[in-house]
Amino acid sequence: MNKLVEIRSQEYMCRERAALDSERKVFWLAQAEEWEQRALDEIAFHFRECNLNEADSQSAVR
């Protein structure tokens, strides 16, 4: 989950830059959106991994 914290930090920094850099606001918001999508992908990966581990554990019990 440390990776998720780093990704969210990058997203936050891009949003801060967008607020401070009016000339490149659109660029920074687009960057933030990319980081947000990476965070969502990381969360989805984590849950898929957890579900696979749980399914493997249940198969071993049977």
C-alpha atoms as a PDB file:
ATOM      1  CA  MET A   1       0.000   0.000   0.000  1.00  0.00           C
ATOM      2  CA  ASN A   2       3.044   2.263   0.175  1.00  0.00           C
ATOM      3  CA  LYS A   3       2.866   2.431  -3.600  1.00  0.00           C
ATOM      4  CA  LEU A   4      -0.688   3.780  -3.363  1.00  0.00           C
ATOM      5  CA  VAL A   5       0.454   6.482  -0.953  1.00  0.00           C
ATOM      6  CA  GLU A   6       3.178   7.531  -3.395  1.00  0.00           C
ATOM      7  CA  ILE A   7       0.737   7.587  -6.313  1.00  0.00           C
ATOM      8  CA  ARG A   8      -1.806   9.671  -4.384  1.00  0.00           C
ATOM      9  CA  SER A   9       1.007  12.029  -3.370  1.00  0.00           C
ATOM     10  CA  GLN A  10       1.901  12.573  -7.030  1.00  0.00           C
ATOM     11  CA  GLU A  11      -1.754  13.214  -7.835  1.00  0.00           C
ATOM     12  CA  TYR A  12      -1.973  15.768  -5.020  1.00  0.00           C
ATOM     13  CA  MET A  13       1.182  17.561  -6.174  1.00  0.00           C
ATOM     14  CA  CYS A  14      -0.205  17.839  -9.699  1.00  0.00           C
ATOM     15  CA  ARG A  15      -3.451  19.301  -8.387  1.00  0.00           C
ATOM     16  CA  GLU A  16      -1.486  21.793  -6.296  1.00  0.00           C
ATOM     17  CA  ARG A  17       0.542  22.806  -9.340  1.00  0.00           C
ATOM     18  CA  ALA A  18      -2.693  23.266 -11.303  1.00  0.00           C
ATOM     19  CA  ALA A  19      -3.949  25.626  -8.628  1.00  0.00           C
ATOM     20  CA  LEU A  20      -0.732  27.654  -8.712  1.00  0.00           C
ATOM     21  CA  ASP A  21       0.112  27.592 -12.433  1.00  0.00           C
ATOM     22  CA  SER A  22      -2.827  29.099 -14.304  1.00  0.00           C
ATOM     23  CA  GLU A  23      -0.987  28.990 -17.655  1.00  0.00           C
ATOM     24  CA  ARG A  24      -0.537  25.218 -17.472  1.00  0.00           C
ATOM     25  CA  LYS A  25      -3.550  24.365 -15.342  1.00  0.00           C
ATOM     26  CA  VAL A  26      -5.035  22.050 -17.976  1.00  0.00           C
ATOM     27  CA  PHE A  27      -1.740  20.144 -18.260  1.00  0.00           C
ATOM     28  CA  TRP A  28      -1.430  19.671 -14.508  1.00  0.00           C
ATOM     29  CA  LEU A  29      -5.043  18.569 -14.144  1.00  0.00           C
ATOM     30  CA  ALA A  30      -4.530  16.019 -16.922  1.00  0.00           C
ATOM     31  CA  GLN A  31      -1.453  14.739 -15.091  1.00  0.00           C
ATOM     32  CA  ALA A  32      -3.463  14.496 -11.879  1.00  0.00           C
ATOM     33  CA  GLU A  33      -6.140  12.492 -13.699  1.00  0.00           C
ATOM     34  CA  GLU A  34      -3.482  10.054 -14.911  1.00  0.00           C
ATOM     35  CA  TRP A  35      -2.176   9.602 -11.369  1.00  0.00           C
ATOM     36  CA  GLU A  36      -5.729   9.144 -10.116  1.00  0.00           C
ATOM     37  CA  GLN A  37      -6.284   6.374 -12.665  1.00  0.00           C
ATOM     38  CA  ARG A  38      -3.021   4.722 -11.586  1.00  0.00           C
ATOM     39  CA  ALA A  39      -4.265   4.804  -7.991  1.00  0.00           C
ATOM     40  CA  LEU A  40      -7.544   3.174  -8.994  1.00  0.00           C
ATOM     41  CA  ASP A  41      -5.631   0.532 -10.958  1.00  0.00           C
ATOM     42  CA  GLU A  42      -3.422  -0.135  -7.935  1.00  0.00           C
ATOM     43  CA  ILE A  43      -6.469  -0.542  -5.688  1.00  0.00           C
ATOM     44  CA  ALA A  44      -8.097  -2.914  -8.180  1.00  0.00           C
ATOM     45  CA  PHE A  45      -4.879  -4.932  -8.425  1.00  0.00           C
ATOM     46  CA  HIS A  46      -4.688  -5.194  -4.644  1.00  0.00           C
ATOM     47  CA  PHE A  47      -8.260  -6.473  -4.366  1.00  0.00           C
ATOM     48  CA  ARG A  48      -7.797  -8.971  -7.211  1.00  0.00           C
ATOM     49  CA  GLU A  49      -4.672 -10.250  -5.485  1.00  0.00           C
ATOM     50  CA  CYS A  50      -6.501 -10.551  -2.149  1.00  0.00           C
ATOM     51  CA  ASN A  51      -9.411 -12.356  -3.777  1.00  0.00           C
ATOM     52  CA  LEU A  52      -7.059 -14.797  -5.521  1.00  0.00           C
ATOM     53  CA  ASN A  53      -5.277 -15.533  -2.241  1.00  0.00           C
ATOM     54  CA  GLU A  54      -8.612 -16.061  -0.495  1.00  0.00           C
ATOM     55  CA  ALA A  55      -9.817 -18.380  -3.259  1.00  0.00           C
ATOM     56  CA  ASP A  56      -6.571 -20.377  -3.046  1.00  0.00           C
ATOM     57  CA  SER A  57      -6.974 -20.682   0.728  1.00  0.00           C
ATOM     58  CA  GLN A  58     -10.544 -21.916   0.380  1.00  0.00           C
ATOM     59  CA  SER A  59      -9.514 -24.458  -2.283  1.00  0.00           C
ATOM     60  CA  ALA A  60      -6.795 -25.824  -0.005  1.00  0.00           C
ATOM     61  CA  VAL A  61      -9.297 -26.340   2.824  1.00  0.00           C
ATOM     62  CA  ARG A  62     -11.655 -28.443   0.696  1.00  0.00           C
END
